Amino acid sequence: MSDNKDTLLAFILGGLVGAALGVLYAPKSGKETRRDIKKFSEDVADKVKDLGEDLTEKGRKVYEDGKDKISEVFEAGKKAFEGHIRK
């Protein structure tokens, strides 16, 4: 899982760096370049926010699934222990 996350992060970072370099080296006026940089930074901020929300939701789901599994195992262990005590 960590490899997939690292690959995704590297891909996103590479895209961001490439886009930034493209904006900076494009033959445009300073005003147009500043406008493009502002739009680019707003887009990046939106994507980072969305990614953060997605990761938070996935983390919450993993937590809930793990909590449910632990509860199931605990209850099974408790029943097994109680059955062992009654014998």
Protein backbone atom coordinates (compact mmCIF):
# COMPACT_ATOMS: atom_id res chain seq x y z
CA MET A 1 0.00 0.00 0.00
CA SER A 2 2.85 2.36 0.82
CA ASP A 3 4.38 1.83 -2.63
CA ASN A 4 1.11 2.81 -4.31
CA LYS A 5 0.83 5.92 -2.15
CA ASP A 6 4.44 6.89 -2.85
CA THR A 7 3.94 6.36 -6.58
CA LEU A 8 0.77 8.46 -6.58
CA LEU A 9 2.47 11.23 -4.61
CA ALA A 10 5.47 11.21 -6.98
CA PHE A 11 3.15 11.33 -10.00
CA ILE A 12 1.18 14.27 -8.59
CA LEU A 13 4.32 16.14 -7.54
CA GLY A 14 5.89 15.59 -10.98
CA GLY A 15 2.76 16.92 -12.66
CA LEU A 16 2.73 19.98 -10.45
CA VAL A 17 6.40 20.74 -11.08
CA GLY A 18 5.97 20.23 -14.81
CA ALA A 19 2.94 22.50 -14.95
CA ALA A 20 4.71 25.19 -12.92
CA LEU A 21 7.74 25.10 -15.20
CA GLY A 22 5.48 25.24 -18.24
CA VAL A 23 3.77 28.36 -16.91
CA LEU A 24 7.04 30.05 -16.02
CA TYR A 25 8.71 29.39 -19.37
CA ALA A 26 5.71 30.12 -21.57
CA PRO A 27 6.13 33.19 -23.81
CA LYS A 28 3.54 35.38 -22.10
CA SER A 29 3.50 38.80 -20.54
CA GLY A 30 4.14 39.17 -16.81
CA LYS A 31 0.49 39.95 -16.19
CA GLU A 32 -0.67 36.82 -18.00
CA THR A 33 1.95 34.70 -16.23
CA ARG A 34 0.91 36.02 -12.82
CA ARG A 35 -2.74 35.31 -13.66
CA ASP A 36 -1.83 31.78 -14.75
CA ILE A 37 0.24 31.20 -11.61
CA LYS A 38 -2.65 32.39 -9.44
CA LYS A 39 -5.10 30.09 -11.23
CA PHE A 40 -2.62 27.23 -11.03
CA SER A 41 -2.09 27.75 -7.29
CA GLU A 42 -5.86 27.87 -6.71
CA ASP A 43 -6.28 24.62 -8.67
CA VAL A 44 -3.49 22.97 -6.67
CA ALA A 45 -5.04 24.14 -3.39
CA ASP A 46 -8.40 22.68 -4.45
CA LYS A 47 -6.82 19.36 -5.44
CA VAL A 48 -4.84 19.15 -2.19
CA LYS A 49 -8.02 19.88 -0.22
CA ASP A 50 -9.93 17.19 -2.13
CA LEU A 51 -7.09 14.71 -1.63
CA GLY A 52 -7.01 15.50 2.08
CA GLU A 53 -10.75 14.96 2.36
CA ASP A 54 -10.48 11.66 0.47
CA LEU A 55 -7.64 10.47 2.70
CA THR A 56 -9.56 11.50 5.81
CA GLU A 57 -12.61 9.56 4.65
CA LYS A 58 -10.53 6.48 3.82
CA GLY A 59 -8.78 6.71 7.18
CA ARG A 60 -12.13 6.94 8.92
CA LYS A 61 -13.36 3.86 7.04
CA VAL A 62 -10.22 1.87 7.91
CA TYR A 63 -10.63 2.88 11.55
CA GLU A 64 -14.30 1.85 11.63
CA ASP A 65 -13.61 -1.45 9.86
CA GLY A 66 -10.74 -2.19 12.24
CA LYS A 67 -12.84 -1.30 15.26
CA ASP A 68 -15.63 -3.62 14.05
CA LYS A 69 -13.18 -6.48 13.46
CA ILE A 70 -11.61 -6.06 16.89
CA SER A 71 -15.07 -6.06 18.48
CA GLU A 72 -15.96 -9.27 16.63
CA VAL A 73 -12.73 -10.97 17.71
CA PHE A 74 -13.18 -9.77 21.29
CA GLU A 75 -16.75 -11.08 21.45
CA ALA A 76 -15.70 -14.43 19.95
CA GLY A 77 -12.87 -14.69 22.47
CA LYS A 78 -15.19 -13.76 25.31
CA LYS A 79 -17.71 -16.44 24.28
CA ALA A 80 -14.96 -19.04 23.93
CA PHE A 81 -13.57 -18.13 27.35
CA GLU A 82 -17.01 -18.27 28.96
CA GLY A 83 -17.65 -21.65 27.33
CA HIS A 84 -14.32 -22.92 28.64
CA ILE A 85 -15.09 -21.71 32.18
CA ARG A 86 -18.51 -23.44 32.24
CA LYS A 87 -17.01 -26.84 31.38
